[in-house]
C-alpha atoms as a PDB file:
ATOM      1  CA  UNK A   1     191.874  72.764 294.759  1.00  0.00           C
ATOM      2  CA  UNK A   2     190.306  75.907 295.109  1.00  0.00           C
ATOM      3  CA  UNK A   3     186.854  74.750 295.579  1.00  0.00           C
ATOM      4  CA  UNK A   4     184.829  73.785 298.822  1.00  0.00           C
ATOM      5  CA  UNK A   5     181.783  72.002 299.556  1.00  0.00           C
ATOM      6  CA  UNK A   6     178.508  73.949 299.172  1.00  0.00           C
ATOM      7  CA  UNK A   7     180.316  76.324 296.696  1.00  0.00           C
ATOM      8  CA  UNK A   8     177.989  77.577 293.576  1.00  0.00           C
ATOM      9  CA  UNK A   9     179.817  76.367 290.445  1.00  0.00           C
ATOM     10  CA  UNK A  10     178.862  76.441 286.545  1.00  0.00           C
ATOM     11  CA  UNK A  11     179.837  73.832 284.324  1.00  0.00           C
ATOM     12  CA  UNK A  12     181.894  75.295 281.134  1.00  0.00           C
ATOM     13  CA  UNK A  13     182.517  72.172 279.238  1.00  0.00           C
ATOM     14  CA  UNK A  14     180.732  69.114 278.238  1.00  0.00           C
ATOM     15  CA  UNK A  15     177.208  68.215 277.556  1.00  0.00           C
ATOM     16  CA  UNK A  16     175.985  69.997 280.819  1.00  0.00           C
ATOM     17  CA  UNK A  17     177.629  73.116 279.886  1.00  0.00           C
ATOM     18  CA  UNK A  18     175.998  76.218 281.183  1.00  0.00           C
ATOM     19  CA  UNK A  19     174.268  74.504 284.312  1.00  0.00           C
ATOM     20  CA  UNK A  20     174.870  75.665 287.821  1.00  0.00           C
ATOM     21  CA  UNK A  21     174.723  73.539 290.912  1.00  0.00           C
ATOM     22  CA  UNK A  22     176.107  73.177 294.504  1.00  0.00           C
ATOM     23  CA  UNK A  23     179.326  70.685 295.189  1.00  0.00           C
ATOM     24  CA  UNK A  24     178.102  67.719 297.251  1.00  0.00           C
ATOM     25  CA  UNK A  25     181.464  65.987 297.081  1.00  0.00           C
ATOM     26  CA  UNK A  26     185.202  66.639 296.272  1.00  0.00           C
ATOM     27  CA  UNK A  27     187.755  64.006 295.348  1.00  0.00           C
ATOM     28  CA  UNK A  28     190.891  65.870 295.929  1.00  0.00           C
ATOM     29  CA  UNK A  29     193.282  62.937 294.954  1.00  0.00           C
ATOM     30  CA  UNK A  30     191.829  62.965 291.295  1.00  0.00           C
ATOM     31  CA  UNK A  31     190.741  66.755 291.217  1.00  0.00           C
ATOM     32  CA  UNK A  32     187.029  65.625 290.919  1.00  0.00           C
ATOM     33  CA  UNK A  33     183.873  67.339 291.942  1.00  0.00           C
ATOM     34  CA  UNK A  34     180.349  65.925 292.315  1.00  0.00           C
ATOM     35  CA  UNK A  35     177.641  68.753 291.713  1.00  0.00           C
ATOM     36  CA  UNK A  36     173.982  68.275 292.825  1.00  0.00           C
ATOM     37  CA  UNK A  37     171.885  67.411 289.629  1.00  0.00           C
ATOM     38  CA  UNK A  38     174.463  67.587 287.085  1.00  0.00           C
ATOM     39  CA  UNK A  39     176.189  64.679 285.056  1.00  0.00           C
ATOM     40  CA  UNK A  40     173.351  62.101 286.139  1.00  0.00           C
ATOM     41  CA  UNK A  41     174.080  58.346 285.080  1.00  0.00           C
ATOM     42  CA  UNK A  42     171.676  55.614 284.763  1.00  0.00           C
ATOM     43  CA  UNK A  43     172.467  52.575 286.626  1.00  0.00           C
ATOM     44  CA  UNK A  44     170.630  49.071 286.303  1.00  0.00           C
ATOM     45  CA  UNK A  45     170.488  47.107 289.618  1.00  0.00           C
ATOM     46  CA  UNK A  46     169.829  43.276 289.351  1.00  0.00           C
ATOM     47  CA  UNK A  47     167.443  41.811 291.382  1.00  0.00           C
ATOM     48  CA  UNK A  48     168.653  39.532 294.147  1.00  0.00           C
ATOM     49  CA  UNK A  49     167.014  37.565 297.349  1.00  0.00           C
ATOM     50  CA  UNK A  50     163.641  39.009 297.160  1.00  0.00           C
ATOM     51  CA  UNK A  51     164.893  42.496 296.359  1.00  0.00           C
ATOM     52  CA  UNK A  52     163.299  43.615 292.986  1.00  0.00           C
ATOM     53  CA  UNK A  53     165.564  44.861 290.231  1.00  0.00           C
ATOM     54  CA  UNK A  54     165.468  48.607 289.591  1.00  0.00           C
ATOM     55  CA  UNK A  55     166.830  51.289 287.549  1.00  0.00           C
ATOM     56  CA  UNK A  56     168.716  54.150 289.535  1.00  0.00           C
ATOM     57  CA  UNK A  57     169.915  57.644 288.748  1.00  0.00           C
ATOM     58  CA  UNK A  58     173.397  58.627 290.053  1.00  0.00           C
ATOM     59  CA  UNK A  59     175.315  61.756 289.921  1.00  0.00           C
ATOM     60  CA  UNK A  60     178.926  61.218 288.588  1.00  0.00           C
ATOM     61  CA  UNK A  61     182.082  63.217 289.227  1.00  0.00           C
ATOM     62  CA  UNK A  62     183.212  65.815 286.982  1.00  0.00           C
ATOM     63  CA  UNK A  63     186.890  67.224 286.561  1.00  0.00           C
ATOM     64  CA  UNK A  64     187.449  70.267 288.481  1.00  0.00           C
ATOM     65  CA  UNK A  65     188.966  71.947 285.539  1.00  0.00           C
ATOM     66  CA  UNK A  66     185.517  71.765 283.576  1.00  0.00           C
ATOM     67  CA  UNK A  67     183.785  74.072 286.277  1.00  0.00           C
ATOM     68  CA  UNK A  68     184.160  77.703 287.307  1.00  0.00           C
ATOM     69  CA  UNK A  69     182.828  79.325 290.723  1.00  0.00           C
ATOM     70  CA  UNK A  70     179.869  81.561 290.280  1.00  0.00           C
ATOM     71  CA  UNK A  71     180.619  84.939 292.032  1.00  0.00           C
ATOM     72  CA  UNK A  72     177.828  85.830 294.655  1.00  0.00           C
ATOM     73  CA  UNK A  73     177.983  89.443 293.626  1.00  0.00           C
ATOM     74  CA  UNK A  74     177.901  89.432 290.185  1.00  0.00           C
ATOM     75  CA  UNK A  75     176.136  85.953 289.585  1.00  0.00           C
ATOM     76  CA  UNK A  76     178.745  85.059 286.632  1.00  0.00           C
ATOM     77  CA  UNK A  77     181.518  82.546 286.674  1.00  0.00           C
ATOM     78  CA  UNK A  78     184.756  83.852 288.013  1.00  0.00           C
ATOM     79  CA  UNK A  79     188.256  82.629 288.730  1.00  0.00           C
ATOM     80  CA  UNK A  80     189.348  82.304 292.335  1.00  0.00           C
ATOM     81  CA  UNK A  81     192.421  84.257 293.807  1.00  0.00           C
ATOM     82  CA  UNK A  82     193.976  84.264 297.349  1.00  0.00           C
ATOM     83  CA  UNK A  83     194.938  87.293 299.491  1.00  0.00           C
ATOM     84  CA  UNK A  84     195.800  87.586 303.304  1.00  0.00           C
ATOM     85  CA  UNK A  85     193.017  89.270 305.214  1.00  0.00           C
ATOM     86  CA  UNK A  86     193.761  91.732 308.210  1.00  0.00           C
ATOM     87  CA  UNK A  87     193.801  88.793 310.778  1.00  0.00           C
ATOM     88  CA  UNK A  88     196.557  87.096 308.890  1.00  0.00           C
ATOM     89  CA  UNK A  89     194.555  84.158 307.377  1.00  0.00           C
ATOM     90  CA  UNK A  90     194.490  83.137 303.696  1.00  0.00           C
ATOM     91  CA  UNK A  91     191.360  83.738 302.060  1.00  0.00           C
ATOM     92  CA  UNK A  92     189.752  83.156 298.504  1.00  0.00           C
ATOM     93  CA  UNK A  93     188.728  86.168 296.602  1.00  0.00           C
ATOM     94  CA  UNK A  94     186.585  86.447 293.322  1.00  0.00           C
ATOM     95  CA  UNK A  95     188.685  87.811 290.524  1.00  0.00           C
ATOM     96  CA  UNK A  96     185.834  89.436 288.911  1.00  0.00           C
ATOM     97  CA  UNK A  97     184.637  91.570 291.991  1.00  0.00           C
ATOM     98  CA  UNK A  98     187.382  91.305 294.515  1.00  0.00           C
ATOM     99  CA  UNK A  99     185.177  90.131 297.233  1.00  0.00           C
ATOM    100  CA  UNK A 100     185.834  87.653 300.137  1.00  0.00           C
ATOM    101  CA  UNK A 101     184.225  84.057 299.211  1.00  0.00           C
ATOM    102  CA  UNK A 102     185.095  82.800 302.415  1.00  0.00           C
ATOM    103  CA  UNK A 103     182.585  84.205 305.044  1.00  0.00           C
END
């Protein structure tokens, strides 16, 4: 998966399309990401042993194919490519601007 924690991404498909947020969790096995403030579901918790029941809001996972990374230079969604830097490390680059994303 090409995304990392704290990457700024934009949702491209679904009811939340066009919204931006930071990645807070990644599930690499199923290629899902959890984005801060996006795809919020309401959960009802039953009361038990002195604890009152409540309604909670929770961020749910999105498929990684439905989001794109936001380029720090152009502030627009971009695809991610890879290249080898002068130190011999594999780094991510923005396809729109060509700038290094791993700083």
